Amino acid sequence: MNVARHPRDPELEGVSLEEIADKYIARFNERYADWEAFEDAKIDGWKRAQHRYIGAGGSGKHDEQNVIPPRAHTLSIMYVEPGQGNAPHTHEVEETFFVLEGQLDVFIEDERGNRITKRLGKWDCITSPPGVIHGYDNNSLQPVYFQVMLGKGRPETMGYSDDDLYLRRDAHLKNGV
């Protein structure tokens, strides 16, 4: 006989294995590409699609439909075409990028505009600590897929370092929550 050495969360007490599997499995063919997940994604040069798996990621869209309910982190897959990326931003928690396919130029920068850029390939990753300005660009000739994780089940919307984008956050949230 098997023994669970840790108790189930209260909301899962008495729930069947089939119900747990249905709630906690997310399949790619059931994800949709959200091309408006982020305010900067509407601007050429930063267009990308988010495929949500766990929670909402840094978009601030906490739509509970078709995603695994978040607990301690979020998980999304990003699709970025050549010549696209995202605007420099921060989070209140760490954010991890893990490249699945393609090449991704990731950067970190300081408040004075000093920037370090590194190229990541398949199975490479970077973690940005809270408050560190960071982002990425696809400067290659091929699309890139990478996993994004944020260290909180319901993170705040990303804090763009650009004042105009940051001020547009509220409108983004009203349209997407």
N, C-alpha and C. Protein backbone atom coordinates (compact mmCIF):
# COMPACT_ATOMS: atom_id res chain seq x y z
N MET A 1 0.84 -1.19 0.00
CA MET A 1 0.00 0.00 0.00
C MET A 1 0.88 1.25 0.00
N ASN A 2 0.49 2.25 -0.77
CA ASN A 2 1.21 3.52 -0.81
C ASN A 2 0.69 4.45 0.27
N VAL A 3 1.61 5.25 0.82
CA VAL A 3 1.24 6.21 1.85
C VAL A 3 1.66 7.60 1.39
N ALA A 4 0.73 8.54 1.38
CA ALA A 4 1.05 9.94 1.07
C ALA A 4 1.71 10.53 2.31
N ARG A 5 2.95 10.95 2.20
CA ARG A 5 3.72 11.47 3.33
C ARG A 5 3.41 12.93 3.65
N HIS A 6 2.66 13.58 2.76
CA HIS A 6 2.26 14.96 2.98
C HIS A 6 0.76 15.05 2.73
N PRO A 7 0.07 15.88 3.49
CA PRO A 7 -1.38 15.99 3.30
C PRO A 7 -1.73 16.72 2.01
N ARG A 8 -2.87 16.37 1.43
CA ARG A 8 -3.38 17.11 0.27
C ARG A 8 -3.86 18.47 0.74
N ASP A 9 -3.83 19.42 -0.19
CA ASP A 9 -4.46 20.71 0.11
C ASP A 9 -5.94 20.47 0.40
N PRO A 10 -6.52 21.27 1.27
CA PRO A 10 -7.93 21.06 1.65
C PRO A 10 -8.88 20.99 0.47
N GLU A 11 -8.65 21.81 -0.58
CA GLU A 11 -9.59 21.78 -1.71
C GLU A 11 -9.49 20.49 -2.52
N LEU A 12 -8.48 19.65 -2.26
CA LEU A 12 -8.34 18.39 -2.99
C LEU A 12 -8.73 17.17 -2.14
N GLU A 13 -9.12 17.39 -0.91
CA GLU A 13 -9.57 16.29 -0.06
C GLU A 13 -10.82 15.66 -0.67
N GLY A 14 -10.79 14.35 -0.86
CA GLY A 14 -11.93 13.64 -1.40
C GLY A 14 -12.11 13.78 -2.90
N VAL A 15 -11.22 14.45 -3.58
CA VAL A 15 -11.32 14.64 -5.03
C VAL A 15 -10.69 13.42 -5.71
N SER A 16 -11.34 12.91 -6.75
CA SER A 16 -10.85 11.73 -7.44
C SER A 16 -9.58 12.03 -8.22
N LEU A 17 -8.80 10.97 -8.49
CA LEU A 17 -7.59 11.13 -9.31
C LEU A 17 -7.93 11.65 -10.70
N GLU A 18 -9.04 11.21 -11.27
CA GLU A 18 -9.46 11.68 -12.59
C GLU A 18 -9.72 13.18 -12.57
N GLU A 19 -10.38 13.68 -11.54
CA GLU A 19 -10.65 15.11 -11.42
C GLU A 19 -9.34 15.90 -11.24
N ILE A 20 -8.43 15.35 -10.45
CA ILE A 20 -7.14 16.02 -10.25
C ILE A 20 -6.38 16.09 -11.57
N ALA A 21 -6.33 14.98 -12.30
CA ALA A 21 -5.64 14.95 -13.59
C ALA A 21 -6.27 15.95 -14.56
N ASP A 22 -7.59 16.01 -14.61
CA ASP A 22 -8.26 16.95 -15.51
C ASP A 22 -7.93 18.40 -15.17
N LYS A 23 -7.81 18.69 -13.89
CA LYS A 23 -7.56 20.07 -13.44
C LYS A 23 -6.10 20.47 -13.60
N TYR A 24 -5.17 19.52 -13.49
CA TYR A 24 -3.75 19.85 -13.42
C TYR A 24 -2.92 19.38 -14.61
N ILE A 25 -3.58 19.05 -15.71
CA ILE A 25 -2.87 18.76 -16.96
C ILE A 25 -3.29 19.81 -17.98
N ALA A 26 -2.31 20.42 -18.63
CA ALA A 26 -2.58 21.41 -19.68
C ALA A 26 -1.85 20.94 -20.94
N ARG A 27 -2.57 20.81 -22.02
CA ARG A 27 -1.99 20.33 -23.27
C ARG A 27 -1.80 21.49 -24.25
N PHE A 28 -0.72 21.42 -25.02
CA PHE A 28 -0.41 22.50 -25.95
C PHE A 28 -1.55 22.73 -26.93
N ASN A 29 -2.16 21.66 -27.44
CA ASN A 29 -3.22 21.84 -28.43
C ASN A 29 -4.48 22.47 -27.85
N GLU A 30 -4.52 22.66 -26.52
CA GLU A 30 -5.63 23.35 -25.88
C GLU A 30 -5.26 24.78 -25.47
N ARG A 31 -4.03 25.19 -25.72
CA ARG A 31 -3.59 26.57 -25.45
C ARG A 31 -3.91 27.41 -26.68
N TYR A 32 -4.04 28.68 -26.50
CA TYR A 32 -4.17 29.58 -27.64
C TYR A 32 -3.07 30.63 -27.55
N ALA A 33 -2.68 31.12 -28.69
CA ALA A 33 -1.63 32.13 -28.75
C ALA A 33 -2.24 33.50 -28.47
N ASP A 34 -1.93 34.06 -27.31
CA ASP A 34 -2.44 35.39 -26.93
C ASP A 34 -1.43 36.43 -27.40
N TRP A 35 -1.73 37.07 -28.52
CA TRP A 35 -0.85 38.09 -29.11
C TRP A 35 -1.01 39.44 -28.44
N GLU A 36 -1.96 39.57 -27.51
CA GLU A 36 -2.17 40.83 -26.79
C GLU A 36 -2.03 40.64 -25.29
N ALA A 37 -1.21 39.68 -24.90
CA ALA A 37 -1.04 39.39 -23.48
C ALA A 37 -0.35 40.52 -22.73
N PHE A 38 0.42 41.32 -23.44
CA PHE A 38 1.21 42.37 -22.82
C PHE A 38 0.99 43.67 -23.59
N GLU A 39 1.05 44.79 -22.88
CA GLU A 39 0.84 46.08 -23.53
C GLU A 39 1.88 46.34 -24.62
N ASP A 40 3.13 46.00 -24.37
CA ASP A 40 4.16 46.25 -25.39
C ASP A 40 4.05 45.30 -26.58
N ALA A 41 3.34 44.18 -26.43
CA ALA A 41 3.21 43.21 -27.53
C ALA A 41 2.38 43.76 -28.69
N LYS A 42 1.75 44.90 -28.50
CA LYS A 42 0.97 45.53 -29.55
C LYS A 42 1.84 46.42 -30.44
N ILE A 43 3.12 46.57 -30.09
CA ILE A 43 4.04 47.46 -30.78
C ILE A 43 5.04 46.65 -31.60
N ASP A 44 5.20 47.00 -32.88
CA ASP A 44 6.15 46.28 -33.72
C ASP A 44 7.54 46.32 -33.09
N GLY A 45 8.20 45.21 -33.10
CA GLY A 45 9.50 45.04 -32.45
C GLY A 45 9.37 44.29 -31.13
N TRP A 46 8.15 44.28 -30.56
CA TRP A 46 7.93 43.57 -29.30
C TRP A 46 6.74 42.60 -29.40
N LYS A 47 6.35 42.25 -30.61
CA LYS A 47 5.20 41.35 -30.79
C LYS A 47 5.61 39.93 -30.45
N ARG A 48 4.75 39.28 -29.69
CA ARG A 48 5.00 37.90 -29.28
C ARG A 48 3.69 37.31 -28.77
N ALA A 49 3.65 35.99 -28.70
CA ALA A 49 2.45 35.30 -28.24
C ALA A 49 2.76 34.51 -26.98
N GLN A 50 1.84 34.61 -26.01
CA GLN A 50 1.96 33.85 -24.77
C GLN A 50 0.97 32.69 -24.81
N HIS A 51 1.45 31.50 -24.47
CA HIS A 51 0.61 30.31 -24.31
C HIS A 51 0.61 29.99 -22.82
N ARG A 52 -0.48 30.27 -22.13
CA ARG A 52 -0.54 30.10 -20.68
C ARG A 52 -0.78 28.64 -20.29
N TYR A 53 -0.02 28.18 -19.31
CA TYR A 53 -0.19 26.83 -18.76
C TYR A 53 -0.60 26.90 -17.29
N ILE A 54 0.20 27.60 -16.48
CA ILE A 54 -0.10 27.74 -15.05
C ILE A 54 -0.21 29.23 -14.76
N GLY A 55 -1.37 29.66 -14.31
CA GLY A 55 -1.55 31.06 -14.00
C GLY A 55 -1.42 31.93 -15.23
N ALA A 56 -1.06 33.20 -15.00
CA ALA A 56 -1.09 34.17 -16.09
C ALA A 56 0.27 34.69 -16.48
N GLY A 57 1.31 34.40 -15.74
CA GLY A 57 2.60 35.01 -16.05
C GLY A 57 2.58 36.48 -15.72
N GLY A 58 3.46 37.25 -16.32
CA GLY A 58 3.59 38.66 -15.99
C GLY A 58 2.65 39.57 -16.74
N SER A 59 1.66 39.00 -17.45
CA SER A 59 0.74 39.83 -18.22
C SER A 59 -0.24 40.56 -17.33
N GLY A 60 -0.48 40.03 -16.14
CA GLY A 60 -1.49 40.61 -15.27
C GLY A 60 -2.88 40.09 -15.57
N LYS A 61 -3.02 39.31 -16.64
CA LYS A 61 -4.32 38.73 -16.98
C LYS A 61 -4.50 37.46 -16.15
N HIS A 62 -5.38 37.53 -15.21
CA HIS A 62 -5.59 36.37 -14.35
C HIS A 62 -6.85 35.62 -14.78
N ASP A 63 -6.93 35.33 -16.07
CA ASP A 63 -8.05 34.54 -16.57
C ASP A 63 -7.88 33.12 -16.09
N GLU A 64 -8.88 32.59 -15.48
CA GLU A 64 -8.79 31.25 -14.90
C GLU A 64 -9.23 30.18 -15.88
N GLN A 65 -9.66 30.57 -17.07
CA GLN A 65 -10.13 29.59 -18.04
C GLN A 65 -8.95 28.92 -18.73
N ASN A 66 -9.01 27.62 -18.81
CA ASN A 66 -8.07 26.85 -19.61
C ASN A 66 -6.62 26.92 -19.12
N VAL A 67 -6.40 27.24 -17.86
CA VAL A 67 -5.06 27.21 -17.28
C VAL A 67 -5.10 26.41 -15.98
N ILE A 68 -3.95 25.84 -15.65
CA ILE A 68 -3.83 25.16 -14.36
C ILE A 68 -3.82 26.25 -13.28
N PRO A 69 -4.59 26.08 -12.22
CA PRO A 69 -4.62 27.11 -11.18
C PRO A 69 -3.23 27.33 -10.59
N PRO A 70 -2.81 28.59 -10.46
CA PRO A 70 -1.47 28.87 -9.92
C PRO A 70 -1.42 28.68 -8.42
N ARG A 71 -0.26 28.28 -7.94
CA ARG A 71 0.01 28.21 -6.51
C ARG A 71 1.24 29.06 -6.23
N ALA A 72 2.42 28.47 -6.39
CA ALA A 72 3.67 29.16 -6.03
C ALA A 72 4.38 29.79 -7.22
N HIS A 73 3.91 29.51 -8.46
CA HIS A 73 4.58 30.04 -9.64
C HIS A 73 3.63 30.03 -10.83
N THR A 74 4.06 30.68 -11.90
CA THR A 74 3.34 30.62 -13.17
C THR A 74 4.24 29.93 -14.19
N LEU A 75 3.64 29.50 -15.30
CA LEU A 75 4.41 28.91 -16.38
C LEU A 75 3.70 29.20 -17.69
N SER A 76 4.43 29.75 -18.63
CA SER A 76 3.92 30.02 -19.98
C SER A 76 4.99 29.64 -20.99
N ILE A 77 4.56 29.45 -22.22
CA ILE A 77 5.47 29.28 -23.34
C ILE A 77 5.29 30.51 -24.22
N MET A 78 6.42 31.13 -24.56
CA MET A 78 6.39 32.30 -25.43
C MET A 78 6.86 31.90 -26.82
N TYR A 79 6.22 32.48 -27.82
CA TYR A 79 6.62 32.32 -29.22
C TYR A 79 7.00 33.71 -29.72
N VAL A 80 8.24 33.83 -30.21
CA VAL A 80 8.74 35.13 -30.67
C VAL A 80 9.36 34.96 -32.05
N GLU A 81 8.86 35.72 -33.00
CA GLU A 81 9.39 35.67 -34.35
C GLU A 81 10.67 36.49 -34.45
N PRO A 82 11.48 36.26 -35.50
CA PRO A 82 12.69 37.06 -35.69
C PRO A 82 12.38 38.56 -35.71
N GLY A 83 13.25 39.33 -35.09
CA GLY A 83 13.09 40.78 -35.06
C GLY A 83 12.17 41.31 -33.98
N GLN A 84 11.64 40.40 -33.15
CA GLN A 84 10.72 40.81 -32.09
C GLN A 84 11.36 40.52 -30.72
N GLY A 85 10.78 41.05 -29.67
CA GLY A 85 11.29 40.83 -28.32
C GLY A 85 10.33 41.38 -27.31
N ASN A 86 10.84 41.96 -26.23
CA ASN A 86 9.97 42.65 -25.29
C ASN A 86 10.68 43.84 -24.68
N ALA A 87 9.90 44.73 -24.12
CA ALA A 87 10.43 45.97 -23.56
C ALA A 87 11.11 45.69 -22.23
N PRO A 88 12.14 46.46 -21.91
CA PRO A 88 12.80 46.31 -20.60
C PRO A 88 11.77 46.49 -19.48
N HIS A 89 11.86 45.60 -18.49
CA HIS A 89 10.88 45.61 -17.41
C HIS A 89 11.44 44.95 -16.16
N THR A 90 10.69 45.05 -15.08
CA THR A 90 11.02 44.38 -13.82
C THR A 90 9.78 43.65 -13.32
N HIS A 91 10.00 42.80 -12.33
CA HIS A 91 8.92 42.13 -11.59
C HIS A 91 9.23 42.20 -10.11
N GLU A 92 8.21 41.97 -9.30
CA GLU A 92 8.41 41.93 -7.85
C GLU A 92 8.93 40.57 -7.38
N VAL A 93 9.01 39.63 -8.31
CA VAL A 93 9.52 38.28 -8.04
C VAL A 93 10.52 37.92 -9.14
N GLU A 94 11.22 36.81 -8.97
CA GLU A 94 12.16 36.41 -10.02
C GLU A 94 11.39 35.87 -11.22
N GLU A 95 12.02 36.04 -12.40
CA GLU A 95 11.46 35.53 -13.65
C GLU A 95 12.54 34.71 -14.34
N THR A 96 12.16 33.53 -14.82
CA THR A 96 13.09 32.62 -15.47
C THR A 96 12.67 32.40 -16.92
N PHE A 97 13.63 32.49 -17.83
CA PHE A 97 13.44 32.15 -19.25
C PHE A 97 14.26 30.89 -19.51
N PHE A 98 13.63 29.87 -20.10
CA PHE A 98 14.29 28.61 -20.45
C PHE A 98 14.02 28.34 -21.92
N VAL A 99 15.06 28.38 -22.76
CA VAL A 99 14.89 28.25 -24.20
C VAL A 99 14.61 26.79 -24.57
N LEU A 100 13.54 26.58 -25.31
CA LEU A 100 13.16 25.24 -25.78
C LEU A 100 13.61 25.01 -27.21
N GLU A 101 13.51 26.07 -28.03
CA GLU A 101 13.87 25.95 -29.45
C GLU A 101 14.27 27.32 -29.97
N GLY A 102 15.40 27.38 -30.65
CA GLY A 102 15.86 28.63 -31.23
C GLY A 102 16.92 29.32 -30.38
N GLN A 103 17.15 30.58 -30.71
CA GLN A 103 18.14 31.38 -29.99
C GLN A 103 17.48 32.68 -29.52
N LEU A 104 17.84 33.09 -28.31
CA LEU A 104 17.23 34.25 -27.69
C LEU A 104 18.32 35.12 -27.09
N ASP A 105 18.33 36.40 -27.43
CA ASP A 105 19.26 37.34 -26.82
C ASP A 105 18.57 37.95 -25.61
N VAL A 106 19.10 37.66 -24.43
CA VAL A 106 18.53 38.18 -23.18
C VAL A 106 19.42 39.32 -22.68
N PHE A 107 18.82 40.26 -21.99
CA PHE A 107 19.62 41.36 -21.47
C PHE A 107 19.20 41.72 -20.06
N ILE A 108 20.15 42.29 -19.34
CA ILE A 108 19.88 42.94 -18.06
C ILE A 108 20.50 44.32 -18.16
N GLU A 109 19.89 45.28 -17.48
CA GLU A 109 20.42 46.63 -17.54
C GLU A 109 20.18 47.35 -16.22
N ASP A 110 20.90 48.46 -16.05
CA ASP A 110 20.72 49.25 -14.84
C ASP A 110 19.94 50.52 -15.18
N GLU A 111 19.68 51.32 -14.15
CA GLU A 111 18.89 52.53 -14.32
C GLU A 111 19.58 53.59 -15.17
N ARG A 112 20.87 53.47 -15.39
CA ARG A 112 21.60 54.42 -16.22
C ARG A 112 21.62 53.99 -17.69
N GLY A 113 21.04 52.84 -18.00
CA GLY A 113 21.00 52.37 -19.38
C GLY A 113 22.13 51.45 -19.77
N ASN A 114 23.03 51.13 -18.82
CA ASN A 114 24.09 50.16 -19.11
C ASN A 114 23.44 48.79 -19.29
N ARG A 115 23.80 48.09 -20.36
CA ARG A 115 23.16 46.82 -20.69
C ARG A 115 24.20 45.75 -20.98
N ILE A 116 23.90 44.54 -20.52
CA ILE A 116 24.67 43.34 -20.87
C ILE A 116 23.70 42.41 -21.59
N THR A 117 24.11 41.93 -22.77
CA THR A 117 23.29 41.02 -23.56
C THR A 117 24.04 39.71 -23.73
N LYS A 118 23.33 38.60 -23.55
CA LYS A 118 23.89 37.26 -23.74
C LYS A 118 22.95 36.45 -24.62
N ARG A 119 23.50 35.64 -25.50
CA ARG A 119 22.70 34.78 -26.36
C ARG A 119 22.49 33.43 -25.69
N LEU A 120 21.24 33.02 -25.61
CA LEU A 120 20.88 31.71 -25.08
C LEU A 120 20.42 30.82 -26.23
N GLY A 121 20.79 29.55 -26.17
CA GLY A 121 20.34 28.55 -27.14
C GLY A 121 19.47 27.52 -26.45
N LYS A 122 19.16 26.48 -27.18
CA LYS A 122 18.30 25.41 -26.69
C LYS A 122 18.82 24.89 -25.34
N TRP A 123 17.92 24.84 -24.37
CA TRP A 123 18.11 24.33 -23.02
C TRP A 123 18.95 25.26 -22.14
N ASP A 124 19.23 26.49 -22.59
CA ASP A 124 19.89 27.49 -21.75
C ASP A 124 18.81 28.27 -21.01
N CYS A 125 19.18 28.85 -19.87
CA CYS A 125 18.21 29.66 -19.14
C CYS A 125 18.88 30.81 -18.41
N ILE A 126 18.05 31.76 -18.03
CA ILE A 126 18.46 32.89 -17.20
C ILE A 126 17.34 33.14 -16.20
N THR A 127 17.73 33.55 -15.01
CA THR A 127 16.78 33.99 -14.00
C THR A 127 17.10 35.43 -13.64
N SER A 128 16.09 36.28 -13.69
CA SER A 128 16.26 37.68 -13.29
C SER A 128 15.69 37.85 -11.89
N PRO A 129 16.53 38.29 -10.94
CA PRO A 129 16.03 38.54 -9.59
C PRO A 129 15.02 39.69 -9.57
N PRO A 130 14.21 39.79 -8.53
CA PRO A 130 13.26 40.89 -8.42
C PRO A 130 13.95 42.24 -8.56
N GLY A 131 13.31 43.15 -9.28
CA GLY A 131 13.81 44.52 -9.40
C GLY A 131 14.93 44.73 -10.40
N VAL A 132 15.44 43.68 -11.04
CA VAL A 132 16.49 43.82 -12.05
C VAL A 132 15.81 44.04 -13.40
N ILE A 133 16.16 45.13 -14.08
CA ILE A 133 15.61 45.42 -15.40
C ILE A 133 16.13 44.36 -16.38
N HIS A 134 15.23 43.76 -17.13
CA HIS A 134 15.61 42.69 -18.05
C HIS A 134 14.64 42.61 -19.22
N GLY A 135 14.99 41.76 -20.19
CA GLY A 135 14.13 41.52 -21.33
C GLY A 135 14.85 40.65 -22.34
N TYR A 136 14.32 40.59 -23.56
CA TYR A 136 14.90 39.73 -24.58
C TYR A 136 14.55 40.23 -25.96
N ASP A 137 15.34 39.78 -26.93
CA ASP A 137 15.12 40.04 -28.36
C ASP A 137 15.44 38.77 -29.12
N ASN A 138 14.69 38.54 -30.19
CA ASN A 138 15.03 37.45 -31.10
C ASN A 138 15.74 38.09 -32.29
N ASN A 139 17.06 38.10 -32.25
CA ASN A 139 17.89 38.65 -33.32
C ASN A 139 18.34 37.58 -34.30
N SER A 140 17.77 36.39 -34.21
CA SER A 140 18.15 35.30 -35.12
C SER A 140 17.25 35.32 -36.34
N LEU A 141 17.41 34.34 -37.20
CA LEU A 141 16.59 34.23 -38.41
C LEU A 141 15.45 33.24 -38.25
N GLN A 142 15.32 32.62 -37.07
CA GLN A 142 14.30 31.61 -36.82
C GLN A 142 13.44 32.01 -35.63
N PRO A 143 12.18 31.56 -35.59
CA PRO A 143 11.36 31.80 -34.40
C PRO A 143 11.98 31.12 -33.18
N VAL A 144 11.63 31.60 -32.01
CA VAL A 144 12.11 30.99 -30.77
C VAL A 144 10.90 30.67 -29.88
N TYR A 145 10.97 29.50 -29.25
CA TYR A 145 10.01 29.11 -28.21
C TYR A 145 10.79 29.02 -26.91
N PHE A 146 10.26 29.63 -25.85
CA PHE A 146 10.90 29.47 -24.55
C PHE A 146 9.86 29.49 -23.44
N GLN A 147 10.23 28.85 -22.37
CA GLN A 147 9.38 28.75 -21.18
C GLN A 147 9.66 29.96 -20.29
N VAL A 148 8.61 30.50 -19.71
CA VAL A 148 8.72 31.61 -18.77
C VAL A 148 8.05 31.20 -17.46
N MET A 149 8.77 31.39 -16.37
CA MET A 149 8.21 31.13 -15.05
C MET A 149 8.40 32.36 -14.17
N LEU A 150 7.38 32.69 -13.43
CA LEU A 150 7.46 33.75 -12.43
C LEU A 150 7.25 33.13 -11.05
N GLY A 151 7.98 33.62 -10.06
CA GLY A 151 8.03 33.00 -8.74
C GLY A 151 6.90 33.35 -7.80
N LYS A 152 5.69 33.50 -8.33
CA LYS A 152 4.52 33.80 -7.52
C LYS A 152 3.31 33.37 -8.31
N GLY A 153 2.32 32.80 -7.66
CA GLY A 153 1.14 32.33 -8.37
C GLY A 153 0.33 33.42 -9.04
N ARG A 154 0.31 34.60 -8.44
CA ARG A 154 -0.42 35.74 -9.00
C ARG A 154 0.47 36.98 -8.96
N PRO A 155 1.45 37.04 -9.86
CA PRO A 155 2.36 38.19 -9.85
C PRO A 155 1.67 39.46 -10.33
N GLU A 156 2.24 40.58 -9.95
CA GLU A 156 1.78 41.86 -10.47
C GLU A 156 2.13 41.93 -11.96
N THR A 157 1.49 42.84 -12.68
CA THR A 157 1.84 43.09 -14.07
C THR A 157 3.27 43.62 -14.12
N MET A 158 3.98 43.26 -15.16
CA MET A 158 5.37 43.71 -15.28
C MET A 158 5.45 45.23 -15.17
N GLY A 159 6.55 45.68 -14.60
CA GLY A 159 6.81 47.11 -14.46
C GLY A 159 7.74 47.57 -15.56
N TYR A 160 7.18 48.10 -16.65
CA TYR A 160 8.01 48.57 -17.76
C TYR A 160 8.92 49.70 -17.28
N SER A 161 10.16 49.70 -17.73
CA SER A 161 11.07 50.79 -17.36
C SER A 161 10.75 52.06 -18.17
N ASP A 162 10.10 51.92 -19.32
CA ASP A 162 9.67 53.06 -20.13
C ASP A 162 8.42 53.67 -19.50
N ASP A 163 8.44 54.98 -19.25
CA ASP A 163 7.33 55.66 -18.58
C ASP A 163 6.02 55.54 -19.34
N ASP A 164 6.03 55.71 -20.68
CA ASP A 164 4.80 55.66 -21.46
C ASP A 164 4.15 54.27 -21.38
N LEU A 165 4.95 53.21 -21.53
CA LEU A 165 4.40 51.86 -21.41
C LEU A 165 3.89 51.60 -20.00
N TYR A 166 4.63 52.05 -19.01
CA TYR A 166 4.21 51.84 -17.63
C TYR A 166 2.86 52.50 -17.36
N LEU A 167 2.64 53.68 -17.90
CA LEU A 167 1.37 54.38 -17.69
C LEU A 167 0.21 53.69 -18.40
N ARG A 168 0.49 52.89 -19.43
CA ARG A 168 -0.56 52.16 -20.16
C ARG A 168 -0.97 50.86 -19.47
N ARG A 169 -0.30 50.50 -18.37
CA ARG A 169 -0.63 49.26 -17.67
C ARG A 169 -2.08 49.19 -17.22
N ASP A 170 -2.59 50.28 -16.67
CA ASP A 170 -3.96 50.26 -16.14
C ASP A 170 -4.98 49.95 -17.23
N ALA A 171 -4.82 50.57 -18.41
CA ALA A 171 -5.74 50.30 -19.52
C ALA A 171 -5.62 48.84 -19.95
N HIS A 172 -4.41 48.31 -19.97
CA HIS A 172 -4.19 46.91 -20.32
C HIS A 172 -4.94 46.00 -19.36
N LEU A 173 -4.83 46.27 -18.08
CA LEU A 173 -5.47 45.43 -17.08
C LEU A 173 -6.99 45.50 -17.20
N LYS A 174 -7.54 46.67 -17.44
CA LYS A 174 -9.00 46.81 -17.57
C LYS A 174 -9.51 46.04 -18.76
N ASN A 175 -8.73 45.97 -19.84
CA ASN A 175 -9.16 45.27 -21.05
C ASN A 175 -8.93 43.78 -21.00
N GLY A 176 -8.05 43.30 -20.11
CA GLY A 176 -7.65 41.91 -20.19
C GLY A 176 -7.93 41.05 -18.99
N VAL A 177 -8.45 41.59 -17.92
CA VAL A 177 -8.65 40.76 -16.73
C VAL A 177 -9.93 40.01 -16.83
